[in-house]
């Protein structure tokens, strides 16, 4: 069962069916029909010239979107593989800082992923551009809620397994979370360059434990870059495109939120239907507070403003004046 899903008419949120995970503040007769209402913008959004990135994204249809996450046990190489994929797509410069998607100090110090992070990439495959949304998820059991919300925003998952250690506890638990969400699972074996790597044993473990087809398993070394170029073609071919209609009322899922001293609470969302842009006015039916959308954009890999977010995309939203308290992001 997916976590909270909202819908919106030009910025009008509606929860899906009655769900025990929906906060109690939603459980009112009207809340099942409308959580956020909106009117046309009071203040028109500032006109701006389409940047190169925005123009490229606007030309890509939803059929060439891919939303996927990387799931694995702790220290199996999720963040390192993410770095390599960002380099291949030209999102970051090769040889730059490591663990680009690990933004917290504790993540960099300990070499672990605590909060789910996303990044948009554009990848040319067989002469056509694809918009790829990557979600790097935590690997530790304590961050299960982060993982479940990330899965709900994706259509598929890379199951990353360390060739020297094989399947471990969190590999199993994260797989069954992905399986419960109905995600297409793509097995990839990492660290094949290590002297202790046992690839045949790891493939057999994946086959017997998860009953996955291992014929198309990709063997990589994220640290050295060995065969990493084979990952994204496999993602495009095996993970389905998201579904959605840009002309329908906006329906979106809150993945995460965080507080900025300058912008207030920033929401990380997945758009299922419709579109949202700067200047839209929204009223929270849960809190009664009104907001004007100040900015929308994508993570590339940092916050990159865009004119709008449309069906199938992952991106961020913040308001102007800003949302003051994280408790309002529900």
Protein backbone atom coordinates (compact mmCIF):
# COMPACT_ATOMS: atom_id res chain seq x y z
CA UNK A 1 0.00 0.00 0.00
CA UNK A 2 1.48 3.32 -1.00
CA UNK A 3 1.92 6.10 1.59
CA UNK A 4 0.02 9.37 1.42
CA UNK A 5 -0.96 10.39 -2.07
CA UNK A 6 -2.51 13.75 -2.69
CA UNK A 7 -4.24 15.24 -5.66
CA UNK A 8 -4.80 18.75 -6.67
CA UNK A 9 -6.82 20.99 -9.00
CA UNK A 10 -4.21 23.56 -9.95
CA UNK A 11 -2.73 22.84 -6.49
CA UNK A 12 -5.51 21.04 -4.65
CA UNK A 13 -4.52 18.00 -2.61
CA UNK A 14 -6.82 15.02 -2.03
CA UNK A 15 -5.79 11.89 -0.09
CA UNK A 16 -6.42 8.52 -1.72
CA UNK A 17 -8.86 6.11 -0.04
CA UNK A 18 -9.08 5.72 3.72
CA UNK A 19 -5.67 4.60 4.83
CA UNK A 20 -4.53 3.91 8.40
CA UNK A 21 -1.26 5.64 7.59
CA UNK A 22 -2.99 8.93 6.71
CA UNK A 23 -2.64 11.38 9.63
CA UNK A 24 -5.73 11.76 11.87
CA UNK A 25 -6.05 15.40 10.85
CA UNK A 26 -7.20 14.15 7.42
CA UNK A 27 -10.10 12.14 8.84
CA UNK A 28 -12.96 14.57 8.32
CA UNK A 29 -15.93 14.15 5.96
CA UNK A 30 -14.55 16.72 3.55
CA UNK A 31 -10.96 15.63 3.86
CA UNK A 32 -11.63 12.60 1.70
CA UNK A 33 -12.42 14.92 -1.17
CA UNK A 34 -10.10 17.83 -0.68
CA UNK A 35 -7.05 18.58 1.38
CA UNK A 36 -5.70 21.60 -0.48
CA UNK A 37 -7.77 24.05 -2.49
CA UNK A 38 -6.50 26.72 -4.81
CA UNK A 39 -7.46 29.65 -6.97
CA UNK A 40 -5.74 31.16 -9.95
CA UNK A 41 -2.50 32.92 -9.02
CA UNK A 42 -2.83 36.39 -7.55
CA UNK A 43 0.63 37.24 -8.70
CA UNK A 44 1.75 35.94 -12.05
CA UNK A 45 4.98 34.02 -11.94
CA UNK A 46 8.00 35.90 -13.18
CA UNK A 47 8.50 35.26 -16.91
CA UNK A 48 11.86 33.76 -17.67
CA UNK A 49 13.64 32.39 -20.64
CA UNK A 50 13.81 28.61 -20.81
CA UNK A 51 17.28 27.46 -19.82
CA UNK A 52 19.05 24.72 -21.72
CA UNK A 53 18.19 22.09 -19.07
CA UNK A 54 14.55 23.15 -18.88
CA UNK A 55 14.20 23.13 -22.65
CA UNK A 56 15.68 19.63 -22.88
CA UNK A 57 13.34 18.35 -20.16
CA UNK A 58 10.28 19.95 -21.79
CA UNK A 59 11.01 18.08 -25.03
CA UNK A 60 11.03 14.64 -23.36
CA UNK A 61 7.61 12.89 -23.24
CA UNK A 62 6.54 10.91 -20.18
CA UNK A 63 7.09 7.69 -22.14
CA UNK A 64 10.82 8.39 -21.90
CA UNK A 65 10.83 9.02 -18.13
CA UNK A 66 12.28 6.44 -15.76
CA UNK A 67 11.92 6.70 -11.98
CA UNK A 68 14.10 4.23 -10.09
CA UNK A 69 15.85 3.79 -6.77
CA UNK A 70 18.93 1.93 -5.56
CA UNK A 71 18.37 -0.44 -2.63
CA UNK A 72 20.93 -2.52 -0.79
CA UNK A 73 22.44 -3.44 2.54
CA UNK A 74 24.61 -0.88 4.33
CA UNK A 75 28.02 -0.34 2.64
CA UNK A 76 27.23 -2.25 -0.56
CA UNK A 77 28.08 0.79 -2.68
CA UNK A 78 24.81 2.69 -3.33
CA UNK A 79 26.27 6.18 -3.07
CA UNK A 80 29.36 5.28 -5.08
CA UNK A 81 27.25 3.83 -7.88
CA UNK A 82 25.09 6.96 -7.81
CA UNK A 83 28.22 9.09 -8.30
CA UNK A 84 29.24 7.04 -11.33
CA UNK A 85 25.78 7.35 -12.92
CA UNK A 86 25.81 11.12 -12.40
CA UNK A 87 29.22 11.28 -14.09
CA UNK A 88 28.10 9.16 -17.06
CA UNK A 89 25.10 11.41 -17.70
CA UNK A 90 27.16 14.60 -17.38
CA UNK A 91 25.23 15.76 -14.31
CA UNK A 92 28.50 16.20 -12.38
CA UNK A 93 32.11 16.43 -13.48
CA UNK A 94 34.16 13.20 -13.29
CA UNK A 95 36.61 13.10 -10.41
CA UNK A 96 34.70 15.65 -8.32
CA UNK A 97 33.59 15.30 -4.72
CA UNK A 98 32.47 11.86 -3.59
CA UNK A 99 29.02 10.89 -2.29
CA UNK A 100 27.26 13.75 -4.05
CA UNK A 101 23.82 12.63 -2.86
CA UNK A 102 24.93 12.31 0.78
CA UNK A 103 24.30 15.88 1.93
CA UNK A 104 24.32 15.50 5.72
CA UNK A 105 27.57 15.75 7.66
CA UNK A 106 26.93 12.45 9.43
CA UNK A 107 26.43 10.72 6.06
CA UNK A 108 29.81 11.89 4.83
CA UNK A 109 31.58 11.14 8.11
CA UNK A 110 30.17 7.63 8.51
CA UNK A 111 29.85 6.73 4.83
CA UNK A 112 26.16 5.85 5.19
CA UNK A 113 22.92 7.16 3.70
CA UNK A 114 20.44 8.50 6.28
CA UNK A 115 17.96 10.51 4.19
CA UNK A 116 16.62 9.56 0.79
CA UNK A 117 18.00 11.89 -1.89
CA UNK A 118 16.98 12.34 -5.50
CA UNK A 119 18.65 13.55 -8.66
CA UNK A 120 17.40 14.09 -12.20
CA UNK A 121 19.59 13.04 -15.13
CA UNK A 122 19.29 13.24 -18.89
CA UNK A 123 20.71 10.26 -20.77
CA UNK A 124 20.88 9.75 -24.52
CA UNK A 125 20.04 6.18 -25.50
CA UNK A 126 19.80 5.08 -29.12
CA UNK A 127 19.57 8.69 -30.29
CA UNK A 128 16.79 9.77 -27.90
CA UNK A 129 16.99 11.66 -24.62
CA UNK A 130 15.56 10.02 -21.49
CA UNK A 131 14.77 11.80 -18.23
CA UNK A 132 15.94 9.59 -15.36
CA UNK A 133 15.02 10.27 -11.74
CA UNK A 134 17.34 8.48 -9.33
CA UNK A 135 16.45 8.00 -5.66
CA UNK A 136 19.29 6.97 -3.35
CA UNK A 137 17.68 5.28 -0.33
CA UNK A 138 19.03 4.50 3.17
CA UNK A 139 20.19 0.95 3.73
CA UNK A 140 19.71 0.68 7.51
CA UNK A 141 16.57 -0.75 9.14
CA UNK A 142 16.11 2.41 11.24
CA UNK A 143 15.19 4.37 8.11
CA UNK A 144 12.43 2.11 6.83
CA UNK A 145 9.94 5.00 6.53
CA UNK A 146 12.33 6.85 4.21
CA UNK A 147 12.65 3.77 2.04
CA UNK A 148 8.91 3.08 1.79
CA UNK A 149 8.13 6.64 0.65
CA UNK A 150 10.93 6.46 -1.91
CA UNK A 151 9.60 3.20 -3.33
CA UNK A 152 6.14 4.71 -3.72
CA UNK A 153 7.59 7.33 -6.07
CA UNK A 154 9.41 4.86 -8.35
CA UNK A 155 8.58 2.34 -11.04
CA UNK A 156 11.58 0.11 -10.47
CA UNK A 157 14.55 -0.59 -8.25
CA UNK A 158 18.18 -1.57 -8.68
CA UNK A 159 18.94 -4.36 -6.20
CA UNK A 160 22.63 -3.84 -5.48
CA UNK A 161 24.55 -6.74 -3.92
CA UNK A 162 28.19 -6.82 -2.80
CA UNK A 163 29.98 -9.65 -4.63
CA UNK A 164 32.28 -10.28 -1.67
CA UNK A 165 29.57 -10.40 1.02
CA UNK A 166 26.54 -11.64 -0.86
CA UNK A 167 22.96 -11.15 0.28
CA UNK A 168 22.64 -9.72 3.80
CA UNK A 169 19.79 -8.84 6.15
CA UNK A 170 18.87 -5.44 4.76
CA UNK A 171 19.13 -6.76 1.20
CA UNK A 172 16.28 -9.13 2.01
CA UNK A 173 14.09 -6.63 3.87
CA UNK A 174 14.48 -3.91 1.21
CA UNK A 175 13.73 -6.39 -1.57
CA UNK A 176 10.43 -7.41 0.00
CA UNK A 177 9.46 -3.77 0.50
CA UNK A 178 10.11 -3.18 -3.21
CA UNK A 179 8.27 -6.37 -4.12
CA UNK A 180 5.25 -5.29 -2.06
CA UNK A 181 5.16 -2.00 -4.00
CA UNK A 182 5.11 -3.90 -7.28
CA UNK A 183 8.44 -2.48 -8.47
CA UNK A 184 10.42 -4.02 -11.30
CA UNK A 185 13.65 -5.24 -9.67
CA UNK A 186 16.93 -5.15 -11.60
CA UNK A 187 19.75 -7.14 -9.92
CA UNK A 188 23.24 -5.64 -10.11
CA UNK A 189 26.35 -7.12 -8.47
CA UNK A 190 28.92 -4.60 -7.26
CA UNK A 191 32.59 -4.81 -6.19
CA UNK A 192 33.42 -7.53 -8.72
CA UNK A 193 37.01 -6.23 -8.76
CA UNK A 194 37.76 -7.36 -5.19
CA UNK A 195 39.97 -10.44 -4.73
CA UNK A 196 37.34 -11.88 -2.37
CA UNK A 197 34.49 -11.42 -4.87
CA UNK A 198 32.49 -14.59 -5.54
CA UNK A 199 30.20 -13.70 -8.43
CA UNK A 200 28.77 -17.20 -9.15
CA UNK A 201 27.81 -17.66 -5.50
CA UNK A 202 26.15 -14.22 -5.37
CA UNK A 203 24.17 -14.88 -8.55
CA UNK A 204 22.97 -18.18 -7.14
CA UNK A 205 21.93 -16.45 -3.90
CA UNK A 206 19.88 -13.89 -5.82
CA UNK A 207 18.24 -16.62 -7.88
CA UNK A 208 17.32 -18.90 -4.98
CA UNK A 209 16.45 -16.25 -2.38
CA UNK A 210 14.42 -13.84 -4.52
CA UNK A 211 13.50 -16.07 -7.49
CA UNK A 212 14.68 -13.38 -9.89
CA UNK A 213 15.82 -13.97 -13.45
CA UNK A 214 19.60 -13.54 -13.20
CA UNK A 215 20.37 -13.89 -16.92
CA UNK A 216 20.55 -10.11 -17.35
CA UNK A 217 22.38 -9.39 -14.10
CA UNK A 218 24.85 -6.53 -14.56
CA UNK A 219 28.32 -7.01 -13.02
CA UNK A 220 30.02 -3.75 -12.04
CA UNK A 221 32.65 -2.14 -9.89
CA UNK A 222 31.31 1.27 -8.92
CA UNK A 223 34.66 2.24 -7.38
CA UNK A 224 36.72 1.66 -10.54
CA UNK A 225 33.89 2.33 -13.01
CA UNK A 226 34.13 -1.16 -14.53
CA UNK A 227 31.04 -1.89 -16.69
CA UNK A 228 28.99 0.88 -15.04
CA UNK A 229 28.03 2.11 -18.53
CA UNK A 230 25.79 -0.98 -18.86
CA UNK A 231 23.54 0.05 -15.94
CA UNK A 232 21.45 2.84 -17.49
CA UNK A 233 20.60 0.94 -20.73
CA UNK A 234 19.37 -1.91 -18.49
CA UNK A 235 17.29 0.57 -16.47
CA UNK A 236 15.69 2.00 -19.62
CA UNK A 237 14.92 -1.41 -21.10
CA UNK A 238 13.66 -3.17 -17.96
CA UNK A 239 12.02 -0.49 -15.78
CA UNK A 240 8.66 0.80 -17.06
CA UNK A 241 7.90 4.45 -17.71
CA UNK A 242 5.63 6.21 -15.19
CA UNK A 243 2.00 6.81 -16.06
CA UNK A 244 0.19 10.13 -15.72
CA UNK A 245 -1.80 12.78 -17.54
CA UNK A 246 -0.59 16.36 -17.59
CA UNK A 247 -4.12 17.60 -18.38
CA UNK A 248 -5.75 16.08 -15.28
CA UNK A 249 -6.00 17.81 -11.88
CA UNK A 250 -2.70 17.71 -10.07
CA UNK A 251 -2.08 14.62 -7.95
CA UNK A 252 1.21 14.29 -6.12
CA UNK A 253 3.00 12.33 -3.41
CA UNK A 254 5.06 13.90 -0.62
CA UNK A 255 8.35 11.99 -0.45
CA UNK A 256 10.24 14.10 2.06
CA UNK A 257 10.61 17.62 3.45
CA UNK A 258 13.34 19.63 5.11
CA UNK A 259 13.74 23.09 6.58
CA UNK A 260 15.75 25.91 5.05
CA UNK A 261 16.57 29.05 7.03
CA UNK A 262 16.02 31.13 3.89
CA UNK A 263 13.11 29.39 2.15
CA UNK A 264 11.20 27.69 4.95
CA UNK A 265 10.03 24.10 4.52
CA UNK A 266 10.93 22.59 1.14
CA UNK A 267 8.84 19.67 -0.14
CA UNK A 268 10.25 16.84 -2.23
CA UNK A 269 7.40 15.44 -4.34
CA UNK A 270 6.51 13.05 -7.15
CA UNK A 271 3.89 14.36 -9.61
CA UNK A 272 1.38 11.69 -10.65
CA UNK A 273 -1.05 13.82 -12.69
CA UNK A 274 -1.31 17.44 -13.78
CA UNK A 275 1.29 20.14 -13.25
CA UNK A 276 2.28 22.84 -10.76
CA UNK A 277 4.19 26.05 -11.30
CA UNK A 278 5.44 29.10 -9.44
CA UNK A 279 2.60 31.53 -8.71
CA UNK A 280 -0.08 28.93 -7.96
CA UNK A 281 -1.99 29.67 -4.76
CA UNK A 282 -2.90 26.84 -2.42
CA UNK A 283 -4.93 26.63 0.79
CA UNK A 284 -4.29 23.80 3.21
CA UNK A 285 -7.55 22.15 4.15
CA UNK A 286 -5.79 20.39 7.05
CA UNK A 287 -4.38 23.55 8.65
CA UNK A 288 -6.39 26.34 6.99
CA UNK A 289 -3.17 28.12 6.00
CA UNK A 290 -2.71 29.65 2.56
CA UNK A 291 0.46 29.43 0.50
CA UNK A 292 1.75 30.85 -2.74
CA UNK A 293 4.09 28.54 -4.63
CA UNK A 294 7.33 30.45 -4.75
CA UNK A 295 9.48 28.05 -6.73
CA UNK A 296 9.44 24.61 -8.28
CA UNK A 297 12.40 22.74 -9.67
CA UNK A 298 14.43 19.57 -9.95
CA UNK A 299 17.49 18.27 -8.12
CA UNK A 300 20.32 18.41 -10.69
CA UNK A 301 22.00 17.42 -8.36
CA UNK A 302 21.31 20.57 -6.33
CA UNK A 303 18.10 22.62 -6.44
CA UNK A 304 17.63 23.87 -10.01
CA UNK A 305 14.54 26.06 -10.58
CA UNK A 306 12.15 25.19 -13.40
CA UNK A 307 9.07 26.84 -14.87
CA UNK A 308 6.83 23.91 -13.89
CA UNK A 309 6.74 20.30 -12.73
CA UNK A 310 4.53 17.92 -14.71
CA UNK A 311 3.18 14.38 -14.49
CA UNK A 312 5.90 11.77 -14.02
CA UNK A 313 8.52 14.12 -12.59
CA UNK A 314 10.22 14.23 -9.20
CA UNK A 315 11.12 17.66 -7.91
CA UNK A 316 10.88 20.16 -5.08
CA UNK A 317 8.41 22.89 -4.13
CA UNK A 318 8.70 25.77 -1.70
CA UNK A 319 6.35 28.61 -0.92
CA UNK A 320 6.67 32.40 -0.75
CA UNK A 321 6.21 33.40 2.05
CA UNK A 322 7.69 30.12 3.18
CA UNK A 323 6.02 27.32 5.12
CA UNK A 324 7.22 27.97 8.67
CA UNK A 325 6.92 24.60 10.37
CA UNK A 326 7.75 21.09 9.19
CA UNK A 327 4.55 19.84 10.89
CA UNK A 328 2.55 21.64 8.18
CA UNK A 329 4.05 19.38 5.50
CA UNK A 330 1.46 16.61 5.67
